[in-house]
Protein backbone atom coordinates (compact mmCIF):
# COMPACT_ATOMS: atom_id res chain seq x y z
CA MET A 1 11.76 17.26 13.09
CA ASN A 2 8.99 16.43 10.75
CA TYR A 3 7.77 12.06 10.64
CA ILE A 4 5.56 10.43 8.43
CA TYR A 5 4.49 6.70 9.48
CA GLY A 6 2.67 3.97 8.25
CA ILE A 7 4.23 1.13 5.56
CA ASN A 8 2.40 3.06 2.56
CA ALA A 9 2.90 6.53 3.51
CA VAL A 10 6.93 5.68 3.90
CA ALA A 11 7.17 3.42 0.92
CA GLU A 12 5.05 6.05 -1.66
CA ALA A 13 7.35 8.91 -0.03
CA LEU A 14 10.47 7.15 -1.06
CA LYS A 15 9.01 6.47 -4.57
CA ALA A 16 8.02 10.09 -5.21
CA ARG A 17 11.48 11.31 -4.31
CA GLY A 18 9.81 14.40 -3.23
CA ARG A 19 11.24 14.80 0.57
CA SER A 20 14.72 14.34 1.69
CA PHE A 21 15.01 11.38 4.15
CA GLU A 22 16.94 12.03 7.43
CA TRP A 23 16.66 8.31 8.56
CA VAL A 24 13.75 5.49 8.85
CA GLY A 25 13.18 3.82 11.87
CA VAL A 26 12.06 0.16 11.84
CA SER A 27 10.48 -2.00 14.38
CA LYS A 28 13.21 -4.72 15.48
CA GLU A 29 10.39 -6.70 16.58
CA ARG A 30 8.52 -7.18 13.16
CA HIS A 31 9.91 -9.31 10.09
CA ASP A 32 8.03 -9.56 6.86
CA LEU A 33 7.87 -8.69 3.54
CA ARG A 34 6.12 -5.72 3.30
CA LEU A 35 8.83 -3.89 5.91
CA GLN A 36 12.08 -5.82 4.20
CA ARG A 37 10.78 -4.18 0.56
CA VAL A 38 10.99 -0.36 3.02
CA VAL A 39 14.10 -1.62 3.84
CA ASP A 40 15.35 -2.34 0.99
CA GLU A 41 14.35 0.75 -1.08
CA CYS A 42 15.84 2.57 2.16
CA ARG A 43 18.98 1.18 1.51
CA ARG A 44 18.93 1.36 -2.46
CA GLN A 45 18.45 5.31 -2.03
CA GLY A 46 21.25 5.58 0.75
CA VAL A 47 18.92 6.60 2.96
CA ALA A 48 19.97 5.56 7.19
CA VAL A 49 17.92 2.74 8.71
CA ARG A 50 17.41 2.40 12.39
CA PHE A 51 16.13 -0.74 13.99
CA LEU A 52 14.08 0.49 17.19
CA GLY A 53 11.70 -0.93 19.61
CA ARG A 54 7.89 -0.70 19.20
CA ALA A 55 7.67 2.19 22.36
CA GLU A 56 10.12 4.50 20.68
CA LEU A 57 8.47 3.88 17.58
CA ASP A 58 4.92 4.82 19.31
CA ARG A 59 6.38 7.99 21.15
CA MET A 60 7.70 8.94 17.47
CA ALA A 61 4.60 8.74 15.66
CA GLY A 62 2.61 10.04 18.72
CA ASN A 63 0.29 6.73 18.47
CA ASN A 64 0.79 3.06 17.78
CA ALA A 65 -0.49 3.09 14.17
CA HIS A 66 2.80 3.54 12.41
CA GLN A 67 2.55 -0.62 11.44
CA GLY A 68 6.15 -0.55 12.33
CA VAL A 69 7.89 2.53 10.18
CA VAL A 70 8.36 5.73 11.25
CA ALA A 71 10.55 8.06 9.24
CA ILE A 72 12.09 11.24 9.76
CA THR A 73 11.94 13.76 6.72
CA SER A 74 11.67 17.68 5.39
CA ASN A 75 8.03 18.89 5.04
CA LYS A 76 5.82 18.42 2.45
CA ARG A 77 6.59 20.28 -0.78
CA TYR A 78 3.68 22.00 -2.00
CA ASN A 79 3.28 23.75 -5.31
CA ASP A 80 2.43 26.64 -7.14
CA LEU A 81 -1.36 26.70 -8.67
CA ASP A 82 0.08 27.09 -12.07
CA ASP A 83 1.84 23.89 -11.51
CA VAL A 84 -0.76 21.84 -10.56
CA ILE A 85 -2.98 23.48 -13.39
CA ALA A 86 -0.46 22.36 -16.10
CA ALA A 87 -0.39 18.54 -14.22
CA LYS A 88 -3.32 17.72 -16.97
CA ARG A 89 -3.19 13.60 -16.51
CA GLY A 90 -6.14 12.94 -19.65
CA GLN A 91 -8.11 14.68 -22.04
CA HIS A 92 -9.74 17.05 -19.44
CA SER A 93 -8.52 18.67 -16.56
CA LEU A 94 -10.01 17.62 -13.33
CA ILE A 95 -9.02 19.70 -9.89
CA VAL A 96 -10.06 19.37 -6.45
CA VAL A 97 -10.89 21.97 -4.62
CA LEU A 98 -11.08 22.22 -1.03
CA ASP A 99 -12.64 25.16 0.91
CA GLY A 100 -11.46 24.31 4.50
CA VAL A 101 -11.36 20.87 5.19
CA GLU A 102 -9.94 20.50 8.82
CA ASP A 103 -9.89 16.86 9.61
CA PRO A 104 -6.60 14.74 9.09
CA HIS A 105 -8.23 11.75 8.29
CA ASN A 106 -10.87 13.22 5.81
CA LEU A 107 -8.22 15.58 3.84
CA GLY A 108 -6.46 11.70 3.40
CA ALA A 109 -9.12 9.79 2.18
CA ILE A 110 -9.66 12.70 -0.51
CA LEU A 111 -6.20 12.70 -1.66
CA ARG A 112 -6.81 9.28 -2.08
CA THR A 113 -9.44 9.30 -3.71
CA ALA A 114 -8.52 12.00 -5.93
CA ASP A 115 -5.01 10.29 -7.22
CA ALA A 116 -7.04 6.71 -7.68
CA ALA A 117 -9.68 9.04 -9.95
CA GLY A 118 -7.05 10.58 -11.78
CA ALA A 119 -7.24 13.74 -10.82
CA ASP A 120 -4.24 16.26 -11.62
CA GLY A 121 -4.24 17.98 -8.21
CA VAL A 122 -5.17 19.46 -5.31
CA VAL A 123 -5.81 22.98 -3.80
CA ILE A 124 -5.95 23.61 -0.48
CA PRO A 125 -6.42 27.01 2.09
CA GLU A 126 -3.06 28.65 3.88
CA ARG A 127 -4.97 29.37 6.91
CA ARG A 128 -8.44 27.16 8.84
CA ALA A 129 -7.74 24.15 7.18
CA VAL A 130 -5.43 21.08 7.53
CA GLY A 131 -2.41 20.66 5.72
CA VAL A 132 -0.28 17.54 4.54
CA THR A 133 0.49 15.80 8.28
CA ALA A 134 1.60 12.46 9.03
CA THR A 135 -1.91 11.37 9.95
CA VAL A 136 -3.23 12.67 6.36
CA ALA A 137 -0.20 10.60 4.89
CA LYS A 138 -0.99 7.39 6.55
CA ALA A 139 -4.75 8.44 5.65
CA SER A 140 -4.09 8.75 2.00
CA ALA A 141 -1.70 5.96 1.78
CA GLY A 142 0.78 7.42 0.05
CA ALA A 143 -1.02 9.43 -2.40
CA SER A 144 -0.02 12.66 -0.72
CA GLU A 145 3.33 12.43 -2.08
CA HIS A 146 1.99 12.01 -5.61
CA LEU A 147 -0.59 14.44 -5.89
CA PRO A 148 0.72 18.25 -6.67
CA MET A 149 -1.12 20.00 -4.13
CA ALA A 150 -1.15 23.94 -3.92
CA LYS A 151 -1.93 26.08 -0.84
CA VAL A 152 -3.91 29.36 -1.24
CA THR A 153 -4.15 32.41 0.31
CA ASN A 154 -8.00 32.51 -1.08
CA ILE A 155 -10.22 29.94 -1.95
CA ALA A 156 -12.71 32.41 -4.14
CA ARG A 157 -9.87 34.22 -5.72
CA THR A 158 -8.14 31.17 -6.86
CA LEU A 159 -11.57 29.96 -8.45
CA GLU A 160 -11.25 33.02 -10.62
CA GLU A 161 -8.05 32.42 -11.25
CA LEU A 162 -8.93 29.11 -12.23
CA LYS A 163 -11.65 30.48 -14.74
CA GLU A 164 -9.26 32.39 -16.33
CA LYS A 165 -7.32 29.50 -17.17
CA ASN A 166 -10.82 28.15 -18.92
CA LEU A 167 -11.89 25.29 -16.07
CA TRP A 168 -15.53 25.49 -15.23
CA ILE A 169 -15.87 25.54 -11.77
CA VAL A 170 -18.24 22.94 -9.87
CA GLY A 171 -18.88 22.95 -5.94
CA LEU A 172 -20.86 20.62 -4.43
CA ASP A 173 -23.55 21.78 -1.87
CA GLU A 174 -26.70 20.54 -0.16
CA ARG A 175 -28.09 23.57 -1.63
CA GLY A 176 -27.50 23.00 -4.85
CA THR A 177 -30.60 22.11 -6.91
CA GLN A 178 -29.23 20.27 -10.06
CA THR A 179 -28.26 16.45 -8.91
CA TYR A 180 -24.58 15.68 -9.61
CA ASP A 181 -25.08 13.04 -11.64
CA THR A 182 -26.96 15.37 -14.19
CA LEU A 183 -23.83 17.44 -15.07
CA ASP A 184 -21.62 16.80 -18.33
CA TYR A 185 -18.54 16.33 -16.65
CA ASN A 186 -16.64 16.06 -20.15
CA MET A 187 -14.92 18.95 -20.15
CA ASP A 188 -11.95 21.05 -18.07
CA CYS A 189 -13.53 21.18 -14.61
CA ALA A 190 -12.72 22.02 -10.65
CA ILE A 191 -15.07 20.36 -7.96
CA VAL A 192 -15.47 22.34 -4.95
CA LEU A 193 -15.68 20.37 -1.75
CA GLY A 194 -16.50 22.59 1.98
CA SER A 195 -15.02 21.83 5.07
CA GLU A 196 -17.26 19.36 7.45
CA GLY A 197 -18.87 21.80 9.51
CA LYS A 198 -20.12 24.55 7.46
CA GLY A 199 -19.82 23.30 3.60
CA VAL A 200 -18.75 25.54 0.92
CA HIS A 201 -18.77 29.00 1.91
CA ASP A 202 -21.30 31.58 0.60
CA LEU A 203 -18.54 33.64 -1.11
CA VAL A 204 -17.03 30.61 -2.92
CA ALA A 205 -20.67 29.34 -3.72
CA LYS A 206 -21.01 32.54 -5.74
CA LYS A 207 -18.10 31.74 -7.99
CA CYS A 208 -19.06 28.23 -9.13
CA ASP A 209 -20.51 27.80 -12.35
CA PHE A 210 -22.78 24.56 -11.37
CA LEU A 211 -23.45 24.05 -8.00
CA VAL A 212 -24.94 20.04 -7.64
CA SER A 213 -25.69 18.11 -4.58
CA ILE A 214 -26.23 14.50 -3.89
CA PRO A 215 -29.78 13.40 -2.88
CA MET A 216 -30.05 12.22 0.49
CA LEU A 217 -32.59 9.91 0.83
CA GLY A 218 -32.70 9.21 4.74
CA LYS A 219 -32.58 11.07 7.83
CA VAL A 220 -29.08 12.66 7.47
CA PRO A 221 -28.82 15.99 5.76
CA SER A 222 -25.53 15.38 4.04
CA LEU A 223 -22.50 12.78 3.66
CA ASN A 224 -19.08 12.95 5.42
CA VAL A 225 -17.21 15.23 2.96
CA SER A 226 -14.46 12.63 1.73
CA VAL A 227 -17.45 10.12 1.40
CA ALA A 228 -19.25 12.81 -0.81
CA ALA A 229 -15.94 13.40 -2.75
CA GLY A 230 -15.51 9.51 -3.68
CA VAL A 231 -19.18 9.77 -4.88
CA VAL A 232 -18.56 12.77 -7.23
CA LEU A 233 -15.18 12.10 -8.33
CA TYR A 234 -15.83 8.55 -9.98
CA GLU A 235 -19.21 9.70 -11.27
CA ILE A 236 -16.57 11.75 -13.53
CA VAL A 237 -14.73 8.92 -14.27
CA ARG A 238 -17.52 6.85 -15.41
CA GLN A 239 -18.46 9.78 -17.75
CA ARG A 240 -15.19 10.00 -19.18
CA ARG A 241 -14.15 6.32 -19.78
CA LYS A 242 -18.03 6.12 -21.12
CA LYS A 243 -17.03 8.91 -23.39
CA ALA A 244 -13.87 7.65 -24.60
CA GLY A 245 -15.06 4.18 -25.39
CA PRO A 246 -13.98 1.07 -24.37
CA GLU A 247 -10.23 0.82 -24.87
CA THR A 248 -10.51 2.96 -21.82
CA ARG A 249 -12.24 0.14 -19.66
């Protein structure tokens, strides 16, 4: 069985209707409006609700961060790369490509920011990277249930496919000689972020049309990958809103 937990994660999964639900366990000790809304939505959709003790919910979730709700569901459904490309939300494409992010909290945070910044979707590798687990769904506040996501066998080859679809490839890497805020993002593009330890792999970096970096003014050489994602994605938001005019603000 597959579990997801947390009020936002379960509520958004119910809204997105991208998973099938076997049943949802709800804390019998907790009584508040947010949890009641989850129960009401389950009943609207015909999903069974079981009222359980906190210890049982802790055991199911594997921790005590479930906020009183754990759902037994099908696995996350991934999309084809073409589906992610087709899910264009604005004038210009914006796809986030992750080159081996392994920490579920980082992936969850990136998904949450990518959704908030209007990204079309996210691409992750099949191997040596985390997928959408219960921890990721919780850390993303449910954004993982709405964003189109593709799993691919080879990131470098995928970048070539994106280029064939007329997307520019922008790699965020500390080796980049151009700062991230000097590039004009009013174009169809994919943003490539590397893994926590190694950053963007050399072969992947060679496939990028641009390599940009975030200036580091302190003693440490780099930012956490999820923080870096937020910095760059919202620079893209800023530039595109500025060009679009005041009606988009």
